[in-house]
Amino acid sequence: MELPVANLVYSASGACVRTVIIDGRIVMDDQQFTTINEADFLRRAATHTGAIYLRLGVEAHTVWPVT
């Protein structure tokens, strides 16, 4: 016997999420963050990532082109 809830939970991925509500606040609506500026967050994360790699003396190598 297949369980519909198990099928829903285990066949979905993060890409299936459209709205997220945490403690009554909508933090993602129609796959867009409502509480942060995503572009600013990604820019700051990239800056900090580079600084961490420098401190560790590690080079990041990617297989995909990064622009």
N, C-alpha and C. Protein backbone atom coordinates (compact mmCIF):
# COMPACT_ATOMS: atom_id res chain seq x y z
N MET A 1 0.84 -1.18 0.00
CA MET A 1 0.00 0.00 0.00
C MET A 1 0.89 1.25 0.00
N GLU A 2 0.66 2.15 -0.94
CA GLU A 2 1.42 3.38 -1.00
C GLU A 2 0.77 4.43 -0.12
N LEU A 3 1.61 5.17 0.53
CA LEU A 3 1.10 6.24 1.39
C LEU A 3 1.25 7.58 0.65
N PRO A 4 0.17 8.27 0.39
CA PRO A 4 0.24 9.53 -0.36
C PRO A 4 1.15 10.57 0.29
N VAL A 5 1.12 10.65 1.62
CA VAL A 5 1.96 11.65 2.29
C VAL A 5 3.43 11.31 2.10
N ALA A 6 3.80 10.06 2.26
CA ALA A 6 5.20 9.65 2.07
C ALA A 6 5.63 9.93 0.63
N ASN A 7 4.77 9.65 -0.33
CA ASN A 7 5.11 9.94 -1.72
C ASN A 7 5.35 11.42 -1.92
N LEU A 8 4.52 12.25 -1.35
CA LEU A 8 4.67 13.69 -1.47
C LEU A 8 5.99 14.16 -0.85
N VAL A 9 6.26 13.70 0.35
CA VAL A 9 7.45 14.15 1.07
C VAL A 9 8.73 13.67 0.40
N TYR A 10 8.80 12.43 0.01
CA TYR A 10 10.04 11.88 -0.49
C TYR A 10 10.26 12.09 -1.99
N SER A 11 9.25 12.53 -2.72
CA SER A 11 9.46 12.79 -4.14
C SER A 11 9.68 14.27 -4.42
N ALA A 12 9.50 15.12 -3.43
CA ALA A 12 9.67 16.56 -3.60
C ALA A 12 11.12 16.96 -3.34
N SER A 13 11.48 18.15 -3.80
CA SER A 13 12.80 18.72 -3.51
C SER A 13 12.61 20.18 -3.12
N GLY A 14 13.69 20.84 -2.78
CA GLY A 14 13.61 22.24 -2.41
C GLY A 14 13.06 23.11 -3.53
N ALA A 15 13.26 22.68 -4.78
CA ALA A 15 12.74 23.44 -5.92
C ALA A 15 11.22 23.44 -5.96
N CYS A 16 10.59 22.54 -5.25
CA CYS A 16 9.13 22.45 -5.23
C CYS A 16 8.50 23.44 -4.25
N VAL A 17 9.32 24.05 -3.42
CA VAL A 17 8.81 24.95 -2.39
C VAL A 17 8.50 26.31 -3.00
N ARG A 18 7.30 26.81 -2.76
CA ARG A 18 6.91 28.12 -3.26
C ARG A 18 6.75 29.13 -2.13
N THR A 19 6.24 28.70 -0.99
CA THR A 19 6.00 29.60 0.14
C THR A 19 6.52 28.96 1.42
N VAL A 20 7.19 29.76 2.24
CA VAL A 20 7.69 29.29 3.53
C VAL A 20 7.19 30.25 4.61
N ILE A 21 6.58 29.68 5.64
CA ILE A 21 6.09 30.48 6.77
C ILE A 21 6.78 29.97 8.02
N ILE A 22 7.44 30.88 8.73
CA ILE A 22 8.13 30.53 9.97
C ILE A 22 7.57 31.40 11.08
N ASP A 23 7.07 30.75 12.10
CA ASP A 23 6.51 31.45 13.26
C ASP A 23 5.48 32.50 12.84
N GLY A 24 4.67 32.16 11.85
CA GLY A 24 3.62 33.06 11.38
C GLY A 24 4.06 34.12 10.40
N ARG A 25 5.36 34.21 10.09
CA ARG A 25 5.87 35.20 9.13
C ARG A 25 6.16 34.53 7.80
N ILE A 26 5.73 35.15 6.72
CA ILE A 26 6.05 34.64 5.38
C ILE A 26 7.47 35.09 5.06
N VAL A 27 8.40 34.13 4.95
CA VAL A 27 9.79 34.47 4.64
C VAL A 27 10.13 34.18 3.18
N MET A 28 9.28 33.40 2.50
CA MET A 28 9.43 33.19 1.07
C MET A 28 8.03 33.14 0.47
N ASP A 29 7.82 33.94 -0.56
CA ASP A 29 6.52 33.98 -1.22
C ASP A 29 6.76 33.88 -2.72
N ASP A 30 6.14 32.91 -3.36
CA ASP A 30 6.31 32.66 -4.80
C ASP A 30 7.79 32.52 -5.15
N GLN A 31 8.52 31.79 -4.32
CA GLN A 31 9.95 31.48 -4.47
C GLN A 31 10.85 32.72 -4.40
N GLN A 32 10.37 33.79 -3.78
CA GLN A 32 11.16 35.00 -3.57
C GLN A 32 11.25 35.27 -2.08
N PHE A 33 12.47 35.53 -1.59
CA PHE A 33 12.63 35.86 -0.19
C PHE A 33 11.97 37.20 0.11
N THR A 34 11.32 37.29 1.26
CA THR A 34 10.65 38.53 1.65
C THR A 34 11.38 39.25 2.78
N THR A 35 12.34 38.58 3.41
CA THR A 35 12.99 39.18 4.59
C THR A 35 14.43 39.60 4.34
N ILE A 36 15.00 39.21 3.21
CA ILE A 36 16.38 39.59 2.90
C ILE A 36 16.48 40.02 1.45
N ASN A 37 17.52 40.77 1.14
CA ASN A 37 17.85 41.12 -0.23
C ASN A 37 18.78 40.02 -0.74
N GLU A 38 18.28 39.14 -1.59
CA GLU A 38 19.04 37.96 -2.01
C GLU A 38 20.32 38.33 -2.75
N ALA A 39 20.27 39.32 -3.62
CA ALA A 39 21.47 39.72 -4.38
C ALA A 39 22.56 40.23 -3.44
N ASP A 40 22.17 41.03 -2.45
CA ASP A 40 23.14 41.54 -1.47
C ASP A 40 23.72 40.40 -0.65
N PHE A 41 22.86 39.46 -0.24
CA PHE A 41 23.32 38.32 0.54
C PHE A 41 24.35 37.51 -0.25
N LEU A 42 24.06 37.22 -1.51
CA LEU A 42 24.98 36.42 -2.33
C LEU A 42 26.30 37.16 -2.56
N ARG A 43 26.24 38.49 -2.74
CA ARG A 43 27.46 39.27 -2.91
C ARG A 43 28.31 39.21 -1.65
N ARG A 44 27.67 39.40 -0.50
CA ARG A 44 28.42 39.35 0.77
C ARG A 44 28.97 37.96 1.04
N ALA A 45 28.20 36.93 0.72
CA ALA A 45 28.67 35.55 0.93
C ALA A 45 29.90 35.27 0.07
N ALA A 46 29.89 35.73 -1.17
CA ALA A 46 31.03 35.52 -2.06
C ALA A 46 32.27 36.23 -1.51
N THR A 47 32.10 37.44 -0.99
CA THR A 47 33.22 38.19 -0.41
C THR A 47 33.80 37.44 0.78
N HIS A 48 32.95 36.99 1.68
CA HIS A 48 33.42 36.28 2.87
C HIS A 48 34.03 34.93 2.51
N THR A 49 33.47 34.26 1.53
CA THR A 49 34.02 32.97 1.10
C THR A 49 35.46 33.15 0.62
N GLY A 50 35.66 34.18 -0.20
CA GLY A 50 37.01 34.46 -0.68
C GLY A 50 37.98 34.73 0.45
N ALA A 51 37.54 35.50 1.45
CA ALA A 51 38.41 35.81 2.60
C ALA A 51 38.74 34.55 3.39
N ILE A 52 37.78 33.66 3.55
CA ILE A 52 38.02 32.41 4.28
C ILE A 52 39.02 31.54 3.52
N TYR A 53 38.84 31.43 2.20
CA TYR A 53 39.80 30.65 1.41
C TYR A 53 41.21 31.23 1.53
N LEU A 54 41.34 32.55 1.50
CA LEU A 54 42.65 33.17 1.65
C LEU A 54 43.28 32.83 3.00
N ARG A 55 42.49 32.93 4.08
CA ARG A 55 43.01 32.60 5.42
C ARG A 55 43.46 31.15 5.51
N LEU A 56 42.73 30.26 4.84
CA LEU A 56 43.07 28.84 4.89
C LEU A 56 44.18 28.47 3.91
N GLY A 57 44.48 29.37 2.98
CA GLY A 57 45.49 29.07 1.96
C GLY A 57 44.98 28.04 0.96
N VAL A 58 43.68 28.07 0.68
CA VAL A 58 43.06 27.11 -0.21
C VAL A 58 42.57 27.84 -1.46
N GLU A 59 42.72 27.19 -2.61
CA GLU A 59 42.17 27.74 -3.84
C GLU A 59 40.90 27.00 -4.20
N ALA A 60 39.90 27.74 -4.64
CA ALA A 60 38.65 27.11 -5.06
C ALA A 60 38.75 26.80 -6.55
N HIS A 61 38.46 25.55 -6.88
CA HIS A 61 38.45 25.14 -8.28
C HIS A 61 37.05 24.69 -8.63
N THR A 62 36.52 25.25 -9.70
CA THR A 62 35.18 24.86 -10.11
C THR A 62 35.23 24.20 -11.48
N VAL A 63 34.27 23.37 -11.74
CA VAL A 63 34.18 22.75 -13.06
C VAL A 63 33.32 23.57 -14.00
N TRP A 64 32.52 24.47 -13.42
CA TRP A 64 31.64 25.31 -14.23
C TRP A 64 32.20 26.71 -14.30
N PRO A 65 31.98 27.38 -15.43
CA PRO A 65 32.43 28.78 -15.52
C PRO A 65 31.65 29.65 -14.55
N VAL A 66 32.35 30.51 -13.85
CA VAL A 66 31.74 31.40 -12.88
C VAL A 66 31.94 32.83 -13.37
N THR A 67 30.85 33.59 -13.43
CA THR A 67 30.97 34.96 -13.90
C THR A 67 30.77 35.94 -12.77
